Amino acid sequence: MFLKNNQMPVILKKDEKVRETIATLPAKYTRDEFIDKFKALYPADWDKIEKSDKAHRESIKLGKINPMPSAEQYLVNALNVWLKKSSQK
């Protein structure tokens, strides 16, 4: 889910999509509401996140620790990064 040599990001225009998802939610939303709304608004992006997560998990050798977040945590991380950036403006 992170960029490696010449790879495309999992979600194009991630900040914009996070902002648009938040705009459709009530002022006090939960993490699960954010994830559900993102899935509803951007099903193709959610599918890409899940496929990337699955491919990464399948590539990990037995006994190794998975450094990647789950698909849901990837979205929560994107939300947290966006919230931090937007509060600094």
PDB file of N, CA and C in Angstrom:
ATOM      1  N   MET A   1       0.795  -1.179   0.000  1.00  0.00           N
ATOM      2  CA  MET A   1       0.000   0.000   0.000  1.00  0.00           C
ATOM      3  C   MET A   1       0.846   1.255   0.000  1.00  0.00           C
ATOM      4  N   PHE A   2       2.100   1.108   0.248  1.00  0.00           N
ATOM      5  CA  PHE A   2       3.011   2.231   0.169  1.00  0.00           C
ATOM      6  C   PHE A   2       3.742   2.159  -1.159  1.00  0.00           C
ATOM      7  N   LEU A   3       4.256   3.287  -1.604  1.00  0.00           N
ATOM      8  CA  LEU A   3       4.928   3.326  -2.889  1.00  0.00           C
ATOM      9  C   LEU A   3       6.285   2.656  -2.817  1.00  0.00           C
ATOM     10  N   LYS A   4       6.546   1.833  -3.783  1.00  0.00           N
ATOM     11  CA  LYS A   4       7.872   1.277  -3.979  1.00  0.00           C
ATOM     12  C   LYS A   4       8.292   1.709  -5.366  1.00  0.00           C
ATOM     13  N   ASN A   5       9.466   1.446  -5.729  1.00  0.00           N
ATOM     14  CA  ASN A   5      10.042   1.903  -6.996  1.00  0.00           C
ATOM     15  C   ASN A   5       9.025   1.922  -8.132  1.00  0.00           C
ATOM     16  N   ASN A   6       8.649   3.122  -8.548  1.00  0.00           N
ATOM     17  CA  ASN A   6       7.792   3.358  -9.704  1.00  0.00           C
ATOM     18  C   ASN A   6       6.404   2.736  -9.599  1.00  0.00           C
ATOM     19  N   GLN A   7       5.888   2.495  -8.410  1.00  0.00           N
ATOM     20  CA  GLN A   7       4.540   1.981  -8.274  1.00  0.00           C
ATOM     21  C   GLN A   7       3.561   3.133  -8.143  1.00  0.00           C
ATOM     22  N   MET A   8       2.352   2.889  -8.614  1.00  0.00           N
ATOM     23  CA  MET A   8       1.286   3.874  -8.470  1.00  0.00           C
ATOM     24  C   MET A   8       0.740   3.810  -7.053  1.00  0.00           C
ATOM     25  N   PRO A   9       0.248   4.920  -6.531  1.00  0.00           N
ATOM     26  CA  PRO A   9      -0.383   4.869  -5.208  1.00  0.00           C
ATOM     27  C   PRO A   9      -1.651   4.014  -5.274  1.00  0.00           C
ATOM     28  N   VAL A  10      -2.037   3.445  -4.155  1.00  0.00           N
ATOM     29  CA  VAL A  10      -3.236   2.612  -4.122  1.00  0.00           C
ATOM     30  C   VAL A  10      -4.461   3.461  -4.435  1.00  0.00           C
ATOM     31  N   ILE A  11      -4.548   4.633  -3.825  1.00  0.00           N
ATOM     32  CA  ILE A  11      -5.676   5.539  -4.069  1.00  0.00           C
ATOM     33  C   ILE A  11      -5.145   6.812  -4.711  1.00  0.00           C
ATOM     34  N   LEU A  12      -5.637   7.112  -5.892  1.00  0.00           N
ATOM     35  CA  LEU A  12      -5.297   8.379  -6.531  1.00  0.00           C
ATOM     36  C   LEU A  12      -6.143   9.478  -5.898  1.00  0.00           C
ATOM     37  N   LYS A  13      -5.572  10.641  -5.706  1.00  0.00           N
ATOM     38  CA  LYS A  13      -6.267  11.794  -5.107  1.00  0.00           C
ATOM     39  C   LYS A  13      -6.835  11.434  -3.737  1.00  0.00           C
ATOM     40  N   LYS A  14      -6.022  10.764  -2.926  1.00  0.00           N
ATOM     41  CA  LYS A  14      -6.461  10.279  -1.612  1.00  0.00           C
ATOM     42  C   LYS A  14      -6.972  11.407  -0.724  1.00  0.00           C
ATOM     43  N   ASP A  15      -6.230  12.506  -0.613  1.00  0.00           N
ATOM     44  CA  ASP A  15      -6.662  13.614   0.253  1.00  0.00           C
ATOM     45  C   ASP A  15      -8.021  14.156  -0.177  1.00  0.00           C
ATOM     46  N   GLU A  16      -8.200  14.297  -1.468  1.00  0.00           N
ATOM     47  CA  GLU A  16      -9.469  14.808  -1.988  1.00  0.00           C
ATOM     48  C   GLU A  16     -10.615  13.860  -1.642  1.00  0.00           C
ATOM     49  N   LYS A  17     -10.391  12.570  -1.776  1.00  0.00           N
ATOM     50  CA  LYS A  17     -11.444  11.590  -1.494  1.00  0.00           C
ATOM     51  C   LYS A  17     -11.739  11.496  -0.008  1.00  0.00           C
ATOM     52  N   VAL A  18     -10.724  11.627   0.823  1.00  0.00           N
ATOM     53  CA  VAL A  18     -10.951  11.652   2.266  1.00  0.00           C
ATOM     54  C   VAL A  18     -11.780  12.886   2.614  1.00  0.00           C
ATOM     55  N   ARG A  19     -11.398  14.041   2.075  1.00  0.00           N
ATOM     56  CA  ARG A  19     -12.137  15.291   2.345  1.00  0.00           C
ATOM     57  C   ARG A  19     -13.597  15.169   1.904  1.00  0.00           C
ATOM     58  N   GLU A  20     -13.814  14.622   0.720  1.00  0.00           N
ATOM     59  CA  GLU A  20     -15.180  14.476   0.201  1.00  0.00           C
ATOM     60  C   GLU A  20     -15.990  13.484   1.037  1.00  0.00           C
ATOM     61  N   THR A  21     -15.342  12.452   1.528  1.00  0.00           N
ATOM     62  CA  THR A  21     -16.034  11.483   2.379  1.00  0.00           C
ATOM     63  C   THR A  21     -16.448  12.148   3.686  1.00  0.00           C
ATOM     64  N   ILE A  22     -15.536  12.883   4.297  1.00  0.00           N
ATOM     65  CA  ILE A  22     -15.841  13.582   5.550  1.00  0.00           C
ATOM     66  C   ILE A  22     -16.982  14.570   5.352  1.00  0.00           C
ATOM     67  N   ALA A  23     -17.014  15.226   4.207  1.00  0.00           N
ATOM     68  CA  ALA A  23     -18.049  16.229   3.939  1.00  0.00           C
ATOM     69  C   ALA A  23     -19.455  15.628   3.934  1.00  0.00           C
ATOM     70  N   THR A  24     -19.570  14.332   3.695  1.00  0.00           N
ATOM     71  CA  THR A  24     -20.886  13.692   3.650  1.00  0.00           C
ATOM     72  C   THR A  24     -21.310  13.139   5.010  1.00  0.00           C
ATOM     73  N   LEU A  25     -20.423  13.216   5.992  1.00  0.00           N
ATOM     74  CA  LEU A  25     -20.700  12.647   7.313  1.00  0.00           C
ATOM     75  C   LEU A  25     -21.140  13.723   8.298  1.00  0.00           C
ATOM     76  N   PRO A  26     -21.846  13.308   9.364  1.00  0.00           N
ATOM     77  CA  PRO A  26     -22.187  14.288  10.407  1.00  0.00           C
ATOM     78  C   PRO A  26     -20.931  14.787  11.106  1.00  0.00           C
ATOM     79  N   ALA A  27     -21.057  15.861  11.845  1.00  0.00           N
ATOM     80  CA  ALA A  27     -19.898  16.476  12.507  1.00  0.00           C
ATOM     81  C   ALA A  27     -19.170  15.485  13.413  1.00  0.00           C
ATOM     82  N   LYS A  28     -19.898  14.683  14.138  1.00  0.00           N
ATOM     83  CA  LYS A  28     -19.280  13.679  15.013  1.00  0.00           C
ATOM     84  C   LYS A  28     -19.510  12.306  14.393  1.00  0.00           C
ATOM     85  N   TYR A  29     -18.544  11.858  13.635  1.00  0.00           N
ATOM     86  CA  TYR A  29     -18.638  10.551  12.972  1.00  0.00           C
ATOM     87  C   TYR A  29     -17.632   9.612  13.615  1.00  0.00           C
ATOM     88  N   THR A  30     -17.907   8.328  13.457  1.00  0.00           N
ATOM     89  CA  THR A  30     -16.995   7.325  13.993  1.00  0.00           C
ATOM     90  C   THR A  30     -16.065   6.838  12.887  1.00  0.00           C
ATOM     91  N   ARG A  31     -15.050   6.163  13.314  1.00  0.00           N
ATOM     92  CA  ARG A  31     -14.101   5.551  12.366  1.00  0.00           C
ATOM     93  C   ARG A  31     -14.844   4.590  11.431  1.00  0.00           C
ATOM     94  N   ASP A  32     -15.745   3.783  11.996  1.00  0.00           N
ATOM     95  CA  ASP A  32     -16.492   2.825  11.182  1.00  0.00           C
ATOM     96  C   ASP A  32     -17.422   3.518  10.186  1.00  0.00           C
ATOM     97  N   GLU A  33     -18.023   4.639  10.599  1.00  0.00           N
ATOM     98  CA  GLU A  33     -18.873   5.400   9.677  1.00  0.00           C
ATOM     99  C   GLU A  33     -18.035   5.941   8.522  1.00  0.00           C
ATOM    100  N   PHE A  34     -16.838   6.421   8.831  1.00  0.00           N
ATOM    101  CA  PHE A  34     -15.949   6.919   7.771  1.00  0.00           C
ATOM    102  C   PHE A  34     -15.613   5.790   6.797  1.00  0.00           C
ATOM    103  N   ILE A  35     -15.230   4.642   7.313  1.00  0.00           N
ATOM    104  CA  ILE A  35     -14.865   3.508   6.452  1.00  0.00           C
ATOM    105  C   ILE A  35     -16.053   3.087   5.593  1.00  0.00           C
ATOM    106  N   ASP A  36     -17.223   2.952   6.204  1.00  0.00           N
ATOM    107  CA  ASP A  36     -18.417   2.537   5.456  1.00  0.00           C
ATOM    108  C   ASP A  36     -18.772   3.544   4.365  1.00  0.00           C
ATOM    109  N   LYS A  37     -18.675   4.834   4.689  1.00  0.00           N
ATOM    110  CA  LYS A  37     -19.011   5.872   3.701  1.00  0.00           C
ATOM    111  C   LYS A  37     -17.995   5.881   2.563  1.00  0.00           C
ATOM    112  N   PHE A  38     -16.703   5.718   2.894  1.00  0.00           N
ATOM    113  CA  PHE A  38     -15.687   5.666   1.850  1.00  0.00           C
ATOM    114  C   PHE A  38     -15.958   4.490   0.915  1.00  0.00           C
ATOM    115  N   LYS A  39     -16.271   3.335   1.490  1.00  0.00           N
ATOM    116  CA  LYS A  39     -16.574   2.147   0.682  1.00  0.00           C
ATOM    117  C   LYS A  39     -17.749   2.412  -0.256  1.00  0.00           C
ATOM    118  N   ALA A  40     -18.777   3.107   0.260  1.00  0.00           N
ATOM    119  CA  ALA A  40     -19.966   3.403  -0.550  1.00  0.00           C
ATOM    120  C   ALA A  40     -19.663   4.406  -1.656  1.00  0.00           C
ATOM    121  N   LEU A  41     -18.872   5.433  -1.333  1.00  0.00           N
ATOM    122  CA  LEU A  41     -18.568   6.474  -2.323  1.00  0.00           C
ATOM    123  C   LEU A  41     -17.531   6.035  -3.354  1.00  0.00           C
ATOM    124  N   TYR A  42     -16.577   5.215  -2.916  1.00  0.00           N
ATOM    125  CA  TYR A  42     -15.455   4.842  -3.785  1.00  0.00           C
ATOM    126  C   TYR A  42     -15.229   3.326  -3.780  1.00  0.00           C
ATOM    127  N   PRO A  43     -16.207   2.569  -4.292  1.00  0.00           N
ATOM    128  CA  PRO A  43     -16.068   1.105  -4.254  1.00  0.00           C
ATOM    129  C   PRO A  43     -14.862   0.594  -5.040  1.00  0.00           C
ATOM    130  N   ALA A  44     -14.520   1.239  -6.127  1.00  0.00           N
ATOM    131  CA  ALA A  44     -13.358   0.796  -6.917  1.00  0.00           C
ATOM    132  C   ALA A  44     -12.063   1.015  -6.136  1.00  0.00           C
ATOM    133  N   ASP A  45     -11.969   2.133  -5.424  1.00  0.00           N
ATOM    134  CA  ASP A  45     -10.785   2.389  -4.609  1.00  0.00           C
ATOM    135  C   ASP A  45     -10.710   1.398  -3.448  1.00  0.00           C
ATOM    136  N   TRP A  46     -11.855   1.120  -2.827  1.00  0.00           N
ATOM    137  CA  TRP A  46     -11.869   0.146  -1.735  1.00  0.00           C
ATOM    138  C   TRP A  46     -11.401  -1.219  -2.248  1.00  0.00           C
ATOM    139  N   ASP A  47     -11.854  -1.586  -3.430  1.00  0.00           N
ATOM    140  CA  ASP A  47     -11.434  -2.858  -4.031  1.00  0.00           C
ATOM    141  C   ASP A  47      -9.917  -2.880  -4.246  1.00  0.00           C
ATOM    142  N   LYS A  48      -9.361  -1.758  -4.711  1.00  0.00           N
ATOM    143  CA  LYS A  48      -7.907  -1.668  -4.904  1.00  0.00           C
ATOM    144  C   LYS A  48      -7.158  -1.810  -3.580  1.00  0.00           C
ATOM    145  N   ILE A  49      -7.696  -1.191  -2.532  1.00  0.00           N
ATOM    146  CA  ILE A  49      -7.064  -1.288  -1.218  1.00  0.00           C
ATOM    147  C   ILE A  49      -7.060  -2.743  -0.747  1.00  0.00           C
ATOM    148  N   GLU A  50      -8.217  -3.401  -0.874  1.00  0.00           N
ATOM    149  CA  GLU A  50      -8.303  -4.799  -0.439  1.00  0.00           C
ATOM    150  C   GLU A  50      -7.388  -5.706  -1.251  1.00  0.00           C
ATOM    151  N   LYS A  51      -7.346  -5.497  -2.566  1.00  0.00           N
ATOM    152  CA  LYS A  51      -6.476  -6.320  -3.415  1.00  0.00           C
ATOM    153  C   LYS A  51      -5.008  -6.106  -3.074  1.00  0.00           C
ATOM    154  N   SER A  52      -4.637  -4.876  -2.833  1.00  0.00           N
ATOM    155  CA  SER A  52      -3.259  -4.569  -2.463  1.00  0.00           C
ATOM    156  C   SER A  52      -2.910  -5.216  -1.131  1.00  0.00           C
ATOM    157  N   ASP A  53      -3.821  -5.131  -0.180  1.00  0.00           N
ATOM    158  CA  ASP A  53      -3.621  -5.737   1.135  1.00  0.00           C
ATOM    159  C   ASP A  53      -3.464  -7.253   1.000  1.00  0.00           C
ATOM    160  N   LYS A  54      -4.340  -7.878   0.242  1.00  0.00           N
ATOM    161  CA  LYS A  54      -4.286  -9.330   0.055  1.00  0.00           C
ATOM    162  C   LYS A  54      -2.986  -9.745  -0.630  1.00  0.00           C
ATOM    163  N   ALA A  55      -2.599  -9.022  -1.673  1.00  0.00           N
ATOM    164  CA  ALA A  55      -1.365  -9.352  -2.396  1.00  0.00           C
ATOM    165  C   ALA A  55      -0.156  -9.226  -1.474  1.00  0.00           C
ATOM    166  N   HIS A  56      -0.148  -8.191  -0.658  1.00  0.00           N
ATOM    167  CA  HIS A  56       0.972  -8.008   0.256  1.00  0.00           C
ATOM    168  C   HIS A  56       1.020  -9.135   1.287  1.00  0.00           C
ATOM    169  N   ARG A  57      -0.131  -9.483   1.855  1.00  0.00           N
ATOM    170  CA  ARG A  57      -0.174 -10.545   2.864  1.00  0.00           C
ATOM    171  C   ARG A  57       0.264 -11.891   2.278  1.00  0.00           C
ATOM    172  N   GLU A  58      -0.095 -12.131   1.039  1.00  0.00           N
ATOM    173  CA  GLU A  58       0.290 -13.385   0.399  1.00  0.00           C
ATOM    174  C   GLU A  58       1.782 -13.426   0.064  1.00  0.00           C
ATOM    175  N   SER A  59       2.407 -12.271  -0.048  1.00  0.00           N
ATOM    176  CA  SER A  59       3.825 -12.225  -0.406  1.00  0.00           C
ATOM    177  C   SER A  59       4.747 -12.341   0.809  1.00  0.00           C
ATOM    178  N   ILE A  60       4.187 -12.283   2.005  1.00  0.00           N
ATOM    179  CA  ILE A  60       4.992 -12.347   3.218  1.00  0.00           C
ATOM    180  C   ILE A  60       5.413 -13.800   3.474  1.00  0.00           C
ATOM    181  N   LYS A  61       6.664 -13.972   3.772  1.00  0.00           N
ATOM    182  CA  LYS A  61       7.184 -15.307   4.052  1.00  0.00           C
ATOM    183  C   LYS A  61       6.728 -15.766   5.437  1.00  0.00           C
ATOM    184  N   LEU A  62       6.540 -17.067   5.565  1.00  0.00           N
ATOM    185  CA  LEU A  62       6.108 -17.663   6.814  1.00  0.00           C
ATOM    186  C   LEU A  62       7.052 -17.268   7.946  1.00  0.00           C
ATOM    187  N   GLY A  63       6.487 -16.847   9.066  1.00  0.00           N
ATOM    188  CA  GLY A  63       7.280 -16.459  10.218  1.00  0.00           C
ATOM    189  C   GLY A  63       7.678 -14.992  10.235  1.00  0.00           C
ATOM    190  N   LYS A  64       7.421 -14.268   9.161  1.00  0.00           N
ATOM    191  CA  LYS A  64       7.747 -12.837   9.105  1.00  0.00           C
ATOM    192  C   LYS A  64       6.563 -12.016   9.598  1.00  0.00           C
ATOM    193  N   ILE A  65       6.860 -10.856  10.137  1.00  0.00           N
ATOM    194  CA  ILE A  65       5.826  -9.944  10.613  1.00  0.00           C
ATOM    195  C   ILE A  65       5.350  -9.087   9.452  1.00  0.00           C
ATOM    196  N   ASN A  66       4.040  -8.868   9.398  1.00  0.00           N
ATOM    197  CA  ASN A  66       3.458  -8.035   8.353  1.00  0.00           C
ATOM    198  C   ASN A  66       3.539  -6.573   8.766  1.00  0.00           C
ATOM    199  N   PRO A  67       4.362  -5.756   8.085  1.00  0.00           N
ATOM    200  CA  PRO A  67       4.479  -4.350   8.455  1.00  0.00           C
ATOM    201  C   PRO A  67       3.352  -3.480   7.913  1.00  0.00           C
ATOM    202  N   MET A  68       2.514  -4.032   7.084  1.00  0.00           N
ATOM    203  CA  MET A  68       1.462  -3.247   6.454  1.00  0.00           C
ATOM    204  C   MET A  68       0.202  -3.247   7.312  1.00  0.00           C
ATOM    205  N   PRO A  69      -0.535  -2.133   7.328  1.00  0.00           N
ATOM    206  CA  PRO A  69      -1.798  -2.108   8.060  1.00  0.00           C
ATOM    207  C   PRO A  69      -2.874  -2.868   7.287  1.00  0.00           C
ATOM    208  N   SER A  70      -3.921  -3.271   7.974  1.00  0.00           N
ATOM    209  CA  SER A  70      -5.054  -3.904   7.299  1.00  0.00           C
ATOM    210  C   SER A  70      -5.701  -2.872   6.371  1.00  0.00           C
ATOM    211  N   ALA A  71      -6.602  -3.330   5.517  1.00  0.00           N
ATOM    212  CA  ALA A  71      -7.274  -2.421   4.588  1.00  0.00           C
ATOM    213  C   ALA A  71      -8.027  -1.323   5.347  1.00  0.00           C
ATOM    214  N   GLU A  72      -8.726  -1.710   6.416  1.00  0.00           N
ATOM    215  CA  GLU A  72      -9.459  -0.721   7.207  1.00  0.00           C
ATOM    216  C   GLU A  72      -8.504   0.268   7.869  1.00  0.00           C
ATOM    217  N   GLN A  73      -7.404  -0.247   8.408  1.00  0.00           N
ATOM    218  CA  GLN A  73      -6.442   0.637   9.071  1.00  0.00           C
ATOM    219  C   GLN A  73      -5.779   1.571   8.064  1.00  0.00           C
ATOM    220  N   TYR A  74      -5.582   1.118   6.838  1.00  0.00           N
ATOM    221  CA  TYR A  74      -5.033   1.969   5.788  1.00  0.00           C
ATOM    222  C   TYR A  74      -5.917   3.209   5.607  1.00  0.00           C
ATOM    223  N   LEU A  75      -7.241   2.987   5.586  1.00  0.00           N
ATOM    224  CA  LEU A  75      -8.163   4.121   5.447  1.00  0.00           C
ATOM    225  C   LEU A  75      -8.130   5.020   6.674  1.00  0.00           C
ATOM    226  N   VAL A  76      -8.078   4.430   7.850  1.00  0.00           N
ATOM    227  CA  VAL A  76      -8.016   5.230   9.079  1.00  0.00           C
ATOM    228  C   VAL A  76      -6.727   6.048   9.093  1.00  0.00           C
ATOM    229  N   ASN A  77      -5.632   5.462   8.659  1.00  0.00           N
ATOM    230  CA  ASN A  77      -4.369   6.198   8.585  1.00  0.00           C
ATOM    231  C   ASN A  77      -4.491   7.370   7.611  1.00  0.00           C
ATOM    232  N   ALA A  78      -5.134   7.133   6.464  1.00  0.00           N
ATOM    233  CA  ALA A  78      -5.338   8.212   5.481  1.00  0.00           C
ATOM    234  C   ALA A  78      -6.178   9.325   6.106  1.00  0.00           C
ATOM    235  N   LEU A  79      -7.198   8.956   6.861  1.00  0.00           N
ATOM    236  CA  LEU A  79      -8.036   9.937   7.550  1.00  0.00           C
ATOM    237  C   LEU A  79      -7.211  10.733   8.560  1.00  0.00           C
ATOM    238  N   ASN A  80      -6.429  10.038   9.368  1.00  0.00           N
ATOM    239  CA  ASN A  80      -5.621  10.714  10.388  1.00  0.00           C
ATOM    240  C   ASN A  80      -4.605  11.676   9.774  1.00  0.00           C
ATOM    241  N   VAL A  81      -3.981  11.272   8.690  1.00  0.00           N
ATOM    242  CA  VAL A  81      -3.018  12.140   8.005  1.00  0.00           C
ATOM    243  C   VAL A  81      -3.736  13.377   7.480  1.00  0.00           C
ATOM    244  N   TRP A  82      -4.899  13.183   6.862  1.00  0.00           N
ATOM    245  CA  TRP A  82      -5.659  14.312   6.322  1.00  0.00           C
ATOM    246  C   TRP A  82      -6.075  15.269   7.440  1.00  0.00           C
ATOM    247  N   LEU A  83      -6.587  14.701   8.556  1.00  0.00           N
ATOM    248  CA  LEU A  83      -7.012  15.539   9.674  1.00  0.00           C
ATOM    249  C   LEU A  83      -5.841  16.346  10.227  1.00  0.00           C
ATOM    250  N   LYS A  84      -4.695  15.721  10.341  1.00  0.00           N
ATOM    251  CA  LYS A  84      -3.524  16.431  10.854  1.00  0.00           C
ATOM    252  C   LYS A  84      -3.106  17.561   9.908  1.00  0.00           C
ATOM    253  N   LYS A  85      -3.077  17.270   8.603  1.00  0.00           N
ATOM    254  CA  LYS A  85      -2.720  18.302   7.615  1.00  0.00           C
ATOM    255  C   LYS A  85      -3.714  19.456   7.641  1.00  0.00           C
ATOM    256  N   SER A  86      -5.000  19.126   7.700  1.00  0.00           N
ATOM    257  CA  SER A  86      -6.018  20.179   7.632  1.00  0.00           C
ATOM    258  C   SER A  86      -6.036  21.033   8.893  1.00  0.00           C
ATOM    259  N   SER A  87      -5.632  20.475  10.022  1.00  0.00           N
ATOM    260  CA  SER A  87      -5.603  21.270  11.250  1.00  0.00           C
ATOM    261  C   SER A  87      -4.388  22.196  11.295  1.00  0.00           C
ATOM    262  N   GLN A  88      -3.387  21.933  10.492  1.00  0.00           N
ATOM    263  CA  GLN A  88      -2.172  22.759  10.471  1.00  0.00           C
ATOM    264  C   GLN A  88      -2.298  23.947   9.533  1.00  0.00           C
ATOM    265  N   LYS A  89      -3.342  23.993   8.752  1.00  0.00           N
ATOM    266  CA  LYS A  89      -3.498  25.080   7.791  1.00  0.00           C
ATOM    267  C   LYS A  89      -3.983  26.334   8.444  1.00  0.00           C
TER     268      LYS A  89
END
